[in-house]
C-alpha atoms as a PDB file:
ATOM      1  CA  UNK A   1      10.658   7.139  -7.540  1.00  0.00           C
ATOM      2  CA  UNK A   2       7.163   8.298  -8.400  1.00  0.00           C
ATOM      3  CA  UNK A   3       5.585  11.616  -9.657  1.00  0.00           C
ATOM      4  CA  UNK A   4       2.272  12.249 -10.187  1.00  0.00           C
ATOM      5  CA  UNK A   5       1.778  15.372 -12.629  1.00  0.00           C
ATOM      6  CA  UNK A   6      -1.514  16.763 -13.136  1.00  0.00           C
ATOM      7  CA  UNK A   7      -3.349  13.343 -13.000  1.00  0.00           C
ATOM      8  CA  UNK A   8      -7.077  13.337 -12.949  1.00  0.00           C
ATOM      9  CA  UNK A   9      -9.764  10.231 -13.294  1.00  0.00           C
ATOM     10  CA  UNK A  10     -13.262  10.431 -13.806  1.00  0.00           C
ATOM     11  CA  UNK A  11     -16.027   7.681 -13.748  1.00  0.00           C
ATOM     12  CA  UNK A  12     -19.416   8.276 -15.884  1.00  0.00           C
ATOM     13  CA  UNK A  13     -18.834  12.432 -15.563  1.00  0.00           C
ATOM     14  CA  UNK A  14     -17.913  12.067 -11.661  1.00  0.00           C
ATOM     15  CA  UNK A  15     -14.835  13.430 -10.653  1.00  0.00           C
ATOM     16  CA  UNK A  16     -13.041  10.267  -8.506  1.00  0.00           C
ATOM     17  CA  UNK A  17      -9.285  12.599  -8.464  1.00  0.00           C
ATOM     18  CA  UNK A  18      -9.144  16.164  -9.428  1.00  0.00           C
ATOM     19  CA  UNK A  19      -6.202  16.996 -11.240  1.00  0.00           C
ATOM     20  CA  UNK A  20      -3.162  16.149  -8.707  1.00  0.00           C
ATOM     21  CA  UNK A  21       0.608  16.610  -8.651  1.00  0.00           C
ATOM     22  CA  UNK A  22       2.664  14.363  -6.009  1.00  0.00           C
ATOM     23  CA  UNK A  23       5.699  13.013  -5.151  1.00  0.00           C
ATOM     24  CA  UNK A  24       6.200   9.968  -3.668  1.00  0.00           C
ATOM     25  CA  UNK A  25      10.272   9.895  -2.114  1.00  0.00           C
ATOM     26  CA  UNK A  26      12.489   6.924  -2.324  1.00  0.00           C
ATOM     27  CA  UNK A  27      13.056   5.142   0.635  1.00  0.00           C
ATOM     28  CA  UNK A  28       9.865   6.663   2.498  1.00  0.00           C
ATOM     29  CA  UNK A  29       6.696   5.626   4.161  1.00  0.00           C
ATOM     30  CA  UNK A  30       3.843   7.895   2.118  1.00  0.00           C
ATOM     31  CA  UNK A  31       0.672   7.113   3.686  1.00  0.00           C
ATOM     32  CA  UNK A  32      -2.534   8.399   1.981  1.00  0.00           C
ATOM     33  CA  UNK A  33      -5.407   9.203   4.268  1.00  0.00           C
ATOM     34  CA  UNK A  34      -9.060  10.492   4.082  1.00  0.00           C
ATOM     35  CA  UNK A  35     -12.646   9.111   4.134  1.00  0.00           C
ATOM     36  CA  UNK A  36     -14.394   5.974   1.826  1.00  0.00           C
ATOM     37  CA  UNK A  37     -14.953   7.343  -1.760  1.00  0.00           C
ATOM     38  CA  UNK A  38     -12.255  10.215  -1.057  1.00  0.00           C
ATOM     39  CA  UNK A  39     -10.044   8.692  -4.030  1.00  0.00           C
ATOM     40  CA  UNK A  40      -7.396   7.452  -2.166  1.00  0.00           C
ATOM     41  CA  UNK A  41      -7.692   4.027  -3.619  1.00  0.00           C
ATOM     42  CA  UNK A  42      -7.898   5.421  -7.120  1.00  0.00           C
ATOM     43  CA  UNK A  43      -4.844   7.132  -6.944  1.00  0.00           C
ATOM     44  CA  UNK A  44      -3.205   4.294  -5.675  1.00  0.00           C
ATOM     45  CA  UNK A  45      -4.380   2.056  -8.475  1.00  0.00           C
ATOM     46  CA  UNK A  46      -3.380   4.250 -10.856  1.00  0.00           C
ATOM     47  CA  UNK A  47       0.499   4.817  -9.796  1.00  0.00           C
ATOM     48  CA  UNK A  48       0.248   1.030  -9.985  1.00  0.00           C
ATOM     49  CA  UNK A  49      -1.188   1.180 -13.881  1.00  0.00           C
ATOM     50  CA  UNK A  50      -4.439  -0.769 -13.365  1.00  0.00           C
ATOM     51  CA  UNK A  51      -6.444   2.769 -14.245  1.00  0.00           C
ATOM     52  CA  UNK A  52      -5.367   4.869 -16.626  1.00  0.00           C
ATOM     53  CA  UNK A  53      -5.293   8.794 -16.046  1.00  0.00           C
ATOM     54  CA  UNK A  54      -7.636  10.529 -18.092  1.00  0.00           C
ATOM     55  CA  UNK A  55      -5.420  13.615 -18.008  1.00  0.00           C
ATOM     56  CA  UNK A  56      -1.213  14.037 -17.122  1.00  0.00           C
ATOM     57  CA  UNK A  57       1.246  11.244 -16.535  1.00  0.00           C
ATOM     58  CA  UNK A  58       2.759   9.575 -14.224  1.00  0.00           C
ATOM     59  CA  UNK A  59       6.378   8.977 -13.250  1.00  0.00           C
ATOM     60  CA  UNK A  60       8.340   6.159 -12.166  1.00  0.00           C
ATOM     61  CA  UNK A  61      11.952   6.344 -11.565  1.00  0.00           C
ATOM     62  CA  UNK A  62      12.300   9.284 -14.279  1.00  0.00           C
ATOM     63  CA  UNK A  63      10.183   7.673 -16.908  1.00  0.00           C
ATOM     64  CA  UNK A  64       6.323   7.891 -18.170  1.00  0.00           C
ATOM     65  CA  UNK A  65       4.439   5.188 -16.994  1.00  0.00           C
ATOM     66  CA  UNK A  66       3.171   3.893 -20.545  1.00  0.00           C
ATOM     67  CA  UNK A  67       0.175   1.379 -20.761  1.00  0.00           C
ATOM     68  CA  UNK A  68       1.868   0.569 -23.948  1.00  0.00           C
ATOM     69  CA  UNK A  69       4.392  -1.198 -21.922  1.00  0.00           C
ATOM     70  CA  UNK A  70       3.572  -2.286 -18.186  1.00  0.00           C
ATOM     71  CA  UNK A  71       5.221  -5.262 -17.932  1.00  0.00           C
ATOM     72  CA  UNK A  72       8.985  -4.081 -16.799  1.00  0.00           C
ATOM     73  CA  UNK A  73       7.506  -1.157 -14.646  1.00  0.00           C
ATOM     74  CA  UNK A  74       5.056  -3.491 -12.951  1.00  0.00           C
ATOM     75  CA  UNK A  75       7.909  -6.150 -11.905  1.00  0.00           C
ATOM     76  CA  UNK A  76       9.249  -3.267  -9.913  1.00  0.00           C
ATOM     77  CA  UNK A  77       5.920  -3.002  -8.285  1.00  0.00           C
ATOM     78  CA  UNK A  78       4.684  -4.775  -4.959  1.00  0.00           C
ATOM     79  CA  UNK A  79       1.056  -4.553  -4.138  1.00  0.00           C
ATOM     80  CA  UNK A  80      -1.054  -5.746  -2.050  1.00  0.00           C
ATOM     81  CA  UNK A  81      -4.805  -4.971  -2.352  1.00  0.00           C
ATOM     82  CA  UNK A  82      -7.159  -4.955   0.698  1.00  0.00           C
ATOM     83  CA  UNK A  83      -7.900  -7.800   1.730  1.00  0.00           C
ATOM     84  CA  UNK A  84      -5.105 -10.103   0.571  1.00  0.00           C
ATOM     85  CA  UNK A  85      -6.004 -10.853  -2.963  1.00  0.00           C
ATOM     86  CA  UNK A  86      -4.739 -14.460  -3.023  1.00  0.00           C
ATOM     87  CA  UNK A  87      -6.091 -17.062  -4.896  1.00  0.00           C
ATOM     88  CA  UNK A  88      -8.340 -19.355  -3.631  1.00  0.00           C
ATOM     89  CA  UNK A  89      -6.700 -22.975  -5.489  1.00  0.00           C
ATOM     90  CA  UNK A  90      -3.224 -21.713  -4.593  1.00  0.00           C
ATOM     91  CA  UNK A  91      -1.467 -22.511  -1.391  1.00  0.00           C
ATOM     92  CA  UNK A  92       0.371 -19.996   0.600  1.00  0.00           C
ATOM     93  CA  UNK A  93       3.640 -20.925  -1.163  1.00  0.00           C
ATOM     94  CA  UNK A  94       2.022 -21.053  -4.646  1.00  0.00           C
ATOM     95  CA  UNK A  95       0.636 -17.434  -3.697  1.00  0.00           C
ATOM     96  CA  UNK A  96       3.876 -15.879  -3.128  1.00  0.00           C
ATOM     97  CA  UNK A  97       6.424 -17.806  -6.229  1.00  0.00           C
ATOM     98  CA  UNK A  98       3.448 -17.253  -8.730  1.00  0.00           C
ATOM     99  CA  UNK A  99       5.216 -14.336 -10.286  1.00  0.00           C
ATOM    100  CA  UNK A 100       8.540 -15.975  -9.751  1.00  0.00           C
ATOM    101  CA  UNK A 101       7.260 -19.068 -11.261  1.00  0.00           C
ATOM    102  CA  UNK A 102       5.461 -16.825 -13.933  1.00  0.00           C
ATOM    103  CA  UNK A 103       9.179 -15.573 -14.844  1.00  0.00           C
ATOM    104  CA  UNK A 104      10.881 -18.828 -14.965  1.00  0.00           C
ATOM    105  CA  UNK A 105      13.085 -18.279 -12.014  1.00  0.00           C
ATOM    106  CA  UNK A 106      15.056 -21.118 -10.999  1.00  0.00           C
ATOM    107  CA  UNK A 107      13.761 -23.232  -8.597  1.00  0.00           C
ATOM    108  CA  UNK A 108      16.331 -23.248  -5.906  1.00  0.00           C
ATOM    109  CA  UNK A 109      16.410 -19.788  -6.453  1.00  0.00           C
ATOM    110  CA  UNK A 110      12.469 -19.411  -5.508  1.00  0.00           C
ATOM    111  CA  UNK A 111      12.955 -21.818  -3.139  1.00  0.00           C
ATOM    112  CA  UNK A 112      15.355 -19.347  -1.012  1.00  0.00           C
ATOM    113  CA  UNK A 113      13.586 -16.715  -1.327  1.00  0.00           C
ATOM    114  CA  UNK A 114      10.700 -18.168  -0.117  1.00  0.00           C
ATOM    115  CA  UNK A 115      12.481 -19.239   2.646  1.00  0.00           C
ATOM    116  CA  UNK A 116      13.925 -15.778   3.195  1.00  0.00           C
ATOM    117  CA  UNK A 117      10.511 -13.561   3.112  1.00  0.00           C
ATOM    118  CA  UNK A 118       8.813 -16.517   5.330  1.00  0.00           C
ATOM    119  CA  UNK A 119      11.708 -15.481   7.875  1.00  0.00           C
ATOM    120  CA  UNK A 120      10.809 -11.658   7.422  1.00  0.00           C
ATOM    121  CA  UNK A 121       7.138 -11.647   7.711  1.00  0.00           C
ATOM    122  CA  UNK A 122       7.426 -14.280  10.733  1.00  0.00           C
ATOM    123  CA  UNK A 123       5.078 -16.872   8.945  1.00  0.00           C
ATOM    124  CA  UNK A 124       5.904 -20.258  10.235  1.00  0.00           C
ATOM    125  CA  UNK A 125       7.384 -21.992   7.155  1.00  0.00           C
ATOM    126  CA  UNK A 126       4.687 -25.152   7.536  1.00  0.00           C
ATOM    127  CA  UNK A 127       2.410 -22.615   7.202  1.00  0.00           C
ATOM    128  CA  UNK A 128       3.247 -22.425   3.389  1.00  0.00           C
ATOM    129  CA  UNK A 129       1.676 -25.378   2.386  1.00  0.00           C
ATOM    130  CA  UNK A 130      -1.791 -24.400   3.165  1.00  0.00           C
ATOM    131  CA  UNK A 131      -4.730 -23.110   1.083  1.00  0.00           C
ATOM    132  CA  UNK A 132      -6.106 -19.245   2.136  1.00  0.00           C
ATOM    133  CA  UNK A 133      -8.829 -20.396   3.600  1.00  0.00           C
ATOM    134  CA  UNK A 134      -6.694 -22.699   5.797  1.00  0.00           C
ATOM    135  CA  UNK A 135      -5.230 -19.432   7.096  1.00  0.00           C
ATOM    136  CA  UNK A 136      -6.061 -16.815   9.695  1.00  0.00           C
ATOM    137  CA  UNK A 137      -6.628 -13.600   8.486  1.00  0.00           C
ATOM    138  CA  UNK A 138      -3.275 -11.768   9.843  1.00  0.00           C
ATOM    139  CA  UNK A 139      -1.285 -14.885   8.108  1.00  0.00           C
ATOM    140  CA  UNK A 140      -3.375 -14.221   5.344  1.00  0.00           C
ATOM    141  CA  UNK A 141      -2.169 -10.256   4.998  1.00  0.00           C
ATOM    142  CA  UNK A 142       1.639 -11.948   5.698  1.00  0.00           C
ATOM    143  CA  UNK A 143       1.186 -13.723   2.951  1.00  0.00           C
ATOM    144  CA  UNK A 144       0.010 -11.527   0.208  1.00  0.00           C
ATOM    145  CA  UNK A 145       2.741  -9.373   1.710  1.00  0.00           C
ATOM    146  CA  UNK A 146       5.423 -11.649   0.790  1.00  0.00           C
ATOM    147  CA  UNK A 147       4.278 -12.416  -2.449  1.00  0.00           C
ATOM    148  CA  UNK A 148       4.533  -7.989  -3.300  1.00  0.00           C
ATOM    149  CA  UNK A 149       8.156  -8.473  -1.948  1.00  0.00           C
ATOM    150  CA  UNK A 150       8.858 -11.803  -4.127  1.00  0.00           C
ATOM    151  CA  UNK A 151      10.564 -10.088  -7.098  1.00  0.00           C
ATOM    152  CA  UNK A 152      12.440  -7.284  -4.676  1.00  0.00           C
ATOM    153  CA  UNK A 153      10.344  -4.463  -5.919  1.00  0.00           C
ATOM    154  CA  UNK A 154      11.767  -0.968  -5.709  1.00  0.00           C
ATOM    155  CA  UNK A 155       8.191   0.183  -5.258  1.00  0.00           C
ATOM    156  CA  UNK A 156       5.504  -0.965  -2.897  1.00  0.00           C
ATOM    157  CA  UNK A 157       1.666  -0.178  -2.527  1.00  0.00           C
ATOM    158  CA  UNK A 158      -0.820  -1.483  -0.076  1.00  0.00           C
ATOM    159  CA  UNK A 159      -4.447  -0.749   0.151  1.00  0.00           C
ATOM    160  CA  UNK A 160      -5.519  -0.685   3.521  1.00  0.00           C
ATOM    161  CA  UNK A 161      -3.743  -3.798   4.017  1.00  0.00           C
ATOM    162  CA  UNK A 162      -4.917  -4.288   8.065  1.00  0.00           C
ATOM    163  CA  UNK A 163      -8.533  -2.611   7.654  1.00  0.00           C
ATOM    164  CA  UNK A 164      -9.970  -6.230   8.159  1.00  0.00           C
ATOM    165  CA  UNK A 165      -7.821  -7.140  10.946  1.00  0.00           C
ATOM    166  CA  UNK A 166      -9.253  -7.343  14.727  1.00  0.00           C
ATOM    167  CA  UNK A 167      -7.181  -4.627  16.727  1.00  0.00           C
ATOM    168  CA  UNK A 168      -4.414  -7.590  18.316  1.00  0.00           C
ATOM    169  CA  UNK A 169      -3.865  -9.197  14.973  1.00  0.00           C
ATOM    170  CA  UNK A 170      -3.057  -5.383  13.582  1.00  0.00           C
ATOM    171  CA  UNK A 171      -1.050  -4.026  15.916  1.00  0.00           C
ATOM    172  CA  UNK A 172       1.667  -6.655  15.830  1.00  0.00           C
ATOM    173  CA  UNK A 173       0.889  -6.539  11.913  1.00  0.00           C
ATOM    174  CA  UNK A 174       1.872  -2.849  11.962  1.00  0.00           C
ATOM    175  CA  UNK A 175       4.849  -3.152  14.486  1.00  0.00           C
ATOM    176  CA  UNK A 176       6.248  -6.152  11.881  1.00  0.00           C
ATOM    177  CA  UNK A 177       5.578  -3.905   8.846  1.00  0.00           C
ATOM    178  CA  UNK A 178       7.477  -0.855  10.176  1.00  0.00           C
ATOM    179  CA  UNK A 179      10.206  -3.251  11.252  1.00  0.00           C
ATOM    180  CA  UNK A 180      10.027  -4.736   7.356  1.00  0.00           C
ATOM    181  CA  UNK A 181      10.215  -1.575   5.520  1.00  0.00           C
ATOM    182  CA  UNK A 182      12.737  -0.103   7.715  1.00  0.00           C
ATOM    183  CA  UNK A 183      14.946  -3.383   7.322  1.00  0.00           C
ATOM    184  CA  UNK A 184      14.581  -3.644   3.702  1.00  0.00           C
ATOM    185  CA  UNK A 185      15.152   0.415   3.193  1.00  0.00           C
ATOM    186  CA  UNK A 186      12.084   0.279   0.981  1.00  0.00           C
ATOM    187  CA  UNK A 187       9.911   3.163  -0.858  1.00  0.00           C
ATOM    188  CA  UNK A 188       5.979   2.584   0.502  1.00  0.00           C
ATOM    189  CA  UNK A 189       2.948   4.237  -0.553  1.00  0.00           C
ATOM    190  CA  UNK A 190       0.488   2.832   2.027  1.00  0.00           C
ATOM    191  CA  UNK A 191      -3.461   3.755   2.152  1.00  0.00           C
ATOM    192  CA  UNK A 192      -5.536   4.191   5.599  1.00  0.00           C
ATOM    193  CA  UNK A 193      -8.407   5.287   6.813  1.00  0.00           C
ATOM    194  CA  UNK A 194      -6.961   5.633  10.108  1.00  0.00           C
ATOM    195  CA  UNK A 195      -5.218   8.568  11.314  1.00  0.00           C
ATOM    196  CA  UNK A 196      -3.364   7.006  14.152  1.00  0.00           C
ATOM    197  CA  UNK A 197      -2.278   4.158  11.638  1.00  0.00           C
ATOM    198  CA  UNK A 198      -1.143   6.601   9.328  1.00  0.00           C
ATOM    199  CA  UNK A 199       0.820   8.425  12.055  1.00  0.00           C
ATOM    200  CA  UNK A 200       2.834   5.327  12.678  1.00  0.00           C
ATOM    201  CA  UNK A 201       3.742   4.936   9.645  1.00  0.00           C
ATOM    202  CA  UNK A 202       3.885   8.272   7.325  1.00  0.00           C
ATOM    203  CA  UNK A 203       6.098  10.397   6.901  1.00  0.00           C
ATOM    204  CA  UNK A 204       4.539  12.819   5.048  1.00  0.00           C
ATOM    205  CA  UNK A 205       0.753  12.290   5.272  1.00  0.00           C
ATOM    206  CA  UNK A 206      -1.358  12.998   2.586  1.00  0.00           C
ATOM    207  CA  UNK A 207      -5.100  13.776   3.368  1.00  0.00           C
ATOM    208  CA  UNK A 208      -7.696  13.779   0.660  1.00  0.00           C
ATOM    209  CA  UNK A 209     -10.804  14.380   0.187  1.00  0.00           C
ATOM    210  CA  UNK A 210     -13.086  14.343  -2.761  1.00  0.00           C
ATOM    211  CA  UNK A 211     -10.667  13.429  -5.153  1.00  0.00           C
ATOM    212  CA  UNK A 212      -8.386  16.375  -3.725  1.00  0.00           C
ATOM    213  CA  UNK A 213      -5.369  16.986  -1.689  1.00  0.00           C
ATOM    214  CA  UNK A 214      -6.119  19.052   1.067  1.00  0.00           C
ATOM    215  CA  UNK A 215      -2.974  18.976   3.141  1.00  0.00           C
ATOM    216  CA  UNK A 216       0.585  16.892   3.150  1.00  0.00           C
ATOM    217  CA  UNK A 217       3.068  16.722   6.333  1.00  0.00           C
ATOM    218  CA  UNK A 218       3.695  14.817   9.067  1.00  0.00           C
ATOM    219  CA  UNK A 219       0.626  14.001  11.684  1.00  0.00           C
ATOM    220  CA  UNK A 220       1.981  16.973  13.915  1.00  0.00           C
ATOM    221  CA  UNK A 221       1.510  19.401  10.803  1.00  0.00           C
ATOM    222  CA  UNK A 222      -2.129  18.365  10.752  1.00  0.00           C
ATOM    223  CA  UNK A 223      -3.031  18.184  14.152  1.00  0.00           C
ATOM    224  CA  UNK A 224      -1.314  21.566  15.036  1.00  0.00           C
ATOM    225  CA  UNK A 225      -1.262  23.565  11.932  1.00  0.00           C
ATOM    226  CA  UNK A 226      -4.410  22.461   9.955  1.00  0.00           C
ATOM    227  CA  UNK A 227      -5.078  23.675   7.028  1.00  0.00           C
ATOM    228  CA  UNK A 228      -8.619  24.290   6.721  1.00  0.00           C
ATOM    229  CA  UNK A 229     -11.652  23.333   9.223  1.00  0.00           C
ATOM    230  CA  UNK A 230     -11.963  20.007   7.081  1.00  0.00           C
ATOM    231  CA  UNK A 231      -8.501  18.760   8.351  1.00  0.00           C
ATOM    232  CA  UNK A 232      -9.350  19.616  12.163  1.00  0.00           C
ATOM    233  CA  UNK A 233     -13.012  18.140  11.692  1.00  0.00           C
ATOM    234  CA  UNK A 234     -10.950  14.683  10.534  1.00  0.00           C
ATOM    235  CA  UNK A 235      -8.583  14.641  13.155  1.00  0.00           C
ATOM    236  CA  UNK A 236     -11.208  15.280  15.837  1.00  0.00           C
ATOM    237  CA  UNK A 237     -13.558  13.030  14.617  1.00  0.00           C
ATOM    238  CA  UNK A 238     -11.127  10.230  15.461  1.00  0.00           C
ATOM    239  CA  UNK A 239     -10.208  11.172  18.673  1.00  0.00           C
ATOM    240  CA  UNK A 240      -9.885   8.178  21.246  1.00  0.00           C
ATOM    241  CA  UNK A 241     -13.112   8.340  23.945  1.00  0.00           C
ATOM    242  CA  UNK A 242     -10.034   7.291  26.247  1.00  0.00           C
ATOM    243  CA  UNK A 243      -8.634  10.645  25.792  1.00  0.00           C
ATOM    244  CA  UNK A 244     -11.467  12.161  28.670  1.00  0.00           C
ATOM    245  CA  UNK A 245     -11.813   9.243  30.789  1.00  0.00           C
END
């Protein structure tokens, strides 16, 4: 689905992402994990074409992702940014249908797709007439997911979509997201800093440190076959304090 070959990115001479090779396999959920500032969100923005790499190339469905013609590939990419990124002046329905309306899709087709997505995301249909400020955090994230899925993208990219939610809401959304990914058979790249969340969603998990991939594999691989001492430290730092109770 997506391949990075020798891709790198720097800001003011400081490397945000070292030369990186990575393959995103179709039909699987790949999780990018690591501490804040490690380069995982930079990597995601390169994938969606929001940033240009300083070196290397990105292939989407076997073709180079060209900044000279991003419109066509972007229609096949669904993107959920941190905290949703909904437009405050649009209702939930307006946010979800924005791109479809821009592409002049028929109104009845848009309405039908919005209803389908509301059912899939378990969002009560009456909430679609509210503005983002009138919705809870969990509801806003469901609307953001609906917007990302509106054009039925081949690839779905999510940048810490649940990071700002309280634990109960986060748990419910994790369960719903995994169900949605499975039902739609989507190829997904999800960014998180939470190793439990990475293990819940991801196969494979890609652990990043200082702009470099440290290890790829399952959660069991990271726990039982760490590539180096940093992997051990990262895993141990997130072990639940309840394990010792």
